[in-house]
């Protein structure tokens, strides 16, 4: 990184990415698993209702997907700002 504006842009993009990932995870785990569970109870997946599935497995799978997405996007962001390891 050459100057302070690059550093602030990098951290701004990083924080924005973290916030987007947290919002997605909160919507899936808290929203679908708890708040929207009654609305999702009529839809079945794997022998149980969709709200229960999100509470037990869906939020975990989305979290794992978000980890891989964050790593992929941060690698691209590091290359863009010239702070990558390679």
C-alpha atoms as a PDB file:
ATOM      1  CA  UNK A   1       0.000   0.000   0.000  1.00  0.00           C
ATOM      2  CA  UNK A   2       1.364   3.344  -1.023  1.00  0.00           C
ATOM      3  CA  UNK A   3      -0.511   5.863   1.075  1.00  0.00           C
ATOM      4  CA  UNK A   4      -3.047   6.352   3.823  1.00  0.00           C
ATOM      5  CA  UNK A   5      -6.028   6.618   1.454  1.00  0.00           C
ATOM      6  CA  UNK A   6      -5.261   3.132   0.140  1.00  0.00           C
ATOM      7  CA  UNK A   7      -5.183   1.810   3.704  1.00  0.00           C
ATOM      8  CA  UNK A   8      -8.502   3.413   4.593  1.00  0.00           C
ATOM      9  CA  UNK A   9     -10.065   2.150   1.360  1.00  0.00           C
ATOM     10  CA  UNK A  10      -8.805  -1.362   2.060  1.00  0.00           C
ATOM     11  CA  UNK A  11     -10.179  -1.396   5.604  1.00  0.00           C
ATOM     12  CA  UNK A  12     -13.420   0.174   4.508  1.00  0.00           C
ATOM     13  CA  UNK A  13     -13.902  -2.589   1.911  1.00  0.00           C
ATOM     14  CA  UNK A  14     -12.905  -5.214   4.495  1.00  0.00           C
ATOM     15  CA  UNK A  15     -15.394  -3.957   7.106  1.00  0.00           C
ATOM     16  CA  UNK A  16     -18.146  -3.721   4.465  1.00  0.00           C
ATOM     17  CA  UNK A  17     -17.501  -7.347   3.496  1.00  0.00           C
ATOM     18  CA  UNK A  18     -17.573  -8.477   7.131  1.00  0.00           C
ATOM     19  CA  UNK A  19     -20.849  -6.636   7.730  1.00  0.00           C
ATOM     20  CA  UNK A  20     -22.474  -8.165   4.635  1.00  0.00           C
ATOM     21  CA  UNK A  21     -21.419 -11.657   5.750  1.00  0.00           C
ATOM     22  CA  UNK A  22     -22.726 -11.053   9.284  1.00  0.00           C
ATOM     23  CA  UNK A  23     -26.061  -9.742   8.023  1.00  0.00           C
ATOM     24  CA  UNK A  24     -26.512 -12.785   5.767  1.00  0.00           C
ATOM     25  CA  UNK A  25     -25.650 -15.137   8.616  1.00  0.00           C
ATOM     26  CA  UNK A  26     -28.001 -13.320  11.023  1.00  0.00           C
ATOM     27  CA  UNK A  27     -30.874 -13.447   8.547  1.00  0.00           C
ATOM     28  CA  UNK A  28     -30.364 -17.149   7.927  1.00  0.00           C
ATOM     29  CA  UNK A  29     -29.761 -18.253  11.520  1.00  0.00           C
ATOM     30  CA  UNK A  30     -31.990 -15.880  13.498  1.00  0.00           C
ATOM     31  CA  UNK A  31     -34.493 -14.913  10.814  1.00  0.00           C
ATOM     32  CA  UNK A  32     -35.187 -18.242   9.133  1.00  0.00           C
ATOM     33  CA  UNK A  33     -34.472 -20.425  12.173  1.00  0.00           C
ATOM     34  CA  UNK A  34     -36.427 -18.455  14.775  1.00  0.00           C
ATOM     35  CA  UNK A  35     -38.532 -15.555  13.504  1.00  0.00           C
ATOM     36  CA  UNK A  36     -39.797 -17.084  10.255  1.00  0.00           C
ATOM     37  CA  UNK A  37     -40.036 -20.660  11.538  1.00  0.00           C
ATOM     38  CA  UNK A  38     -43.860 -20.667  11.735  1.00  0.00           C
ATOM     39  CA  UNK A  39     -44.081 -19.377   8.154  1.00  0.00           C
ATOM     40  CA  UNK A  40     -41.636 -22.044   6.955  1.00  0.00           C
ATOM     41  CA  UNK A  41     -43.307 -24.922   8.824  1.00  0.00           C
ATOM     42  CA  UNK A  42     -45.419 -25.937   5.819  1.00  0.00           C
ATOM     43  CA  UNK A  43     -42.375 -26.580   3.627  1.00  0.00           C
ATOM     44  CA  UNK A  44     -40.703 -29.930   4.223  1.00  0.00           C
ATOM     45  CA  UNK A  45     -37.080 -30.820   3.566  1.00  0.00           C
ATOM     46  CA  UNK A  46     -35.524 -34.099   4.636  1.00  0.00           C
ATOM     47  CA  UNK A  47     -38.615 -35.171   6.579  1.00  0.00           C
ATOM     48  CA  UNK A  48     -38.799 -32.042   8.722  1.00  0.00           C
ATOM     49  CA  UNK A  49     -40.020 -28.489   8.267  1.00  0.00           C
ATOM     50  CA  UNK A  50     -37.757 -25.904   6.643  1.00  0.00           C
ATOM     51  CA  UNK A  51     -37.572 -23.646   9.718  1.00  0.00           C
ATOM     52  CA  UNK A  52     -36.262 -26.484  11.872  1.00  0.00           C
ATOM     53  CA  UNK A  53     -33.790 -27.449   9.126  1.00  0.00           C
ATOM     54  CA  UNK A  54     -32.420 -23.889   9.003  1.00  0.00           C
ATOM     55  CA  UNK A  55     -32.111 -23.818  12.789  1.00  0.00           C
ATOM     56  CA  UNK A  56     -30.274 -27.148  12.941  1.00  0.00           C
ATOM     57  CA  UNK A  57     -28.267 -27.458   9.712  1.00  0.00           C
ATOM     58  CA  UNK A  58     -28.956 -24.622   7.309  1.00  0.00           C
ATOM     59  CA  UNK A  59     -27.334 -21.877   9.351  1.00  0.00           C
ATOM     60  CA  UNK A  60     -24.212 -24.004   9.823  1.00  0.00           C
ATOM     61  CA  UNK A  61     -23.953 -24.725   6.089  1.00  0.00           C
ATOM     62  CA  UNK A  62     -24.473 -21.061   5.244  1.00  0.00           C
ATOM     63  CA  UNK A  63     -21.789 -20.131   7.790  1.00  0.00           C
ATOM     64  CA  UNK A  64     -19.329 -22.544   6.150  1.00  0.00           C
ATOM     65  CA  UNK A  65     -20.183 -21.112   2.738  1.00  0.00           C
ATOM     66  CA  UNK A  66     -19.621 -17.591   4.073  1.00  0.00           C
ATOM     67  CA  UNK A  67     -16.181 -18.585   5.382  1.00  0.00           C
ATOM     68  CA  UNK A  68     -15.113 -19.750   1.917  1.00  0.00           C
ATOM     69  CA  UNK A  69     -16.702 -16.693   0.268  1.00  0.00           C
ATOM     70  CA  UNK A  70     -14.924 -14.348   2.698  1.00  0.00           C
ATOM     71  CA  UNK A  71     -11.547 -16.013   2.082  1.00  0.00           C
ATOM     72  CA  UNK A  72     -12.037 -15.872  -1.698  1.00  0.00           C
ATOM     73  CA  UNK A  73     -13.173 -12.229  -1.638  1.00  0.00           C
ATOM     74  CA  UNK A  74     -10.396 -11.145   0.747  1.00  0.00           C
ATOM     75  CA  UNK A  75      -7.782 -12.727  -1.529  1.00  0.00           C
ATOM     76  CA  UNK A  76      -9.186 -10.673  -4.410  1.00  0.00           C
ATOM     77  CA  UNK A  77      -9.246  -7.558  -2.229  1.00  0.00           C
ATOM     78  CA  UNK A  78      -5.639  -8.147  -1.137  1.00  0.00           C
ATOM     79  CA  UNK A  79      -4.551  -8.416  -4.787  1.00  0.00           C
ATOM     80  CA  UNK A  80      -6.501  -5.290  -5.662  1.00  0.00           C
ATOM     81  CA  UNK A  81      -4.767  -3.224  -2.972  1.00  0.00           C
ATOM     82  CA  UNK A  82      -1.367  -4.882  -3.413  1.00  0.00           C
ATOM     83  CA  UNK A  83      -1.131  -6.508   0.006  1.00  0.00           C
ATOM     84  CA  UNK A  84      -1.367 -10.135  -1.129  1.00  0.00           C
ATOM     85  CA  UNK A  85       1.176 -12.696  -0.002  1.00  0.00           C
ATOM     86  CA  UNK A  86       2.339 -13.700  -3.462  1.00  0.00           C
END
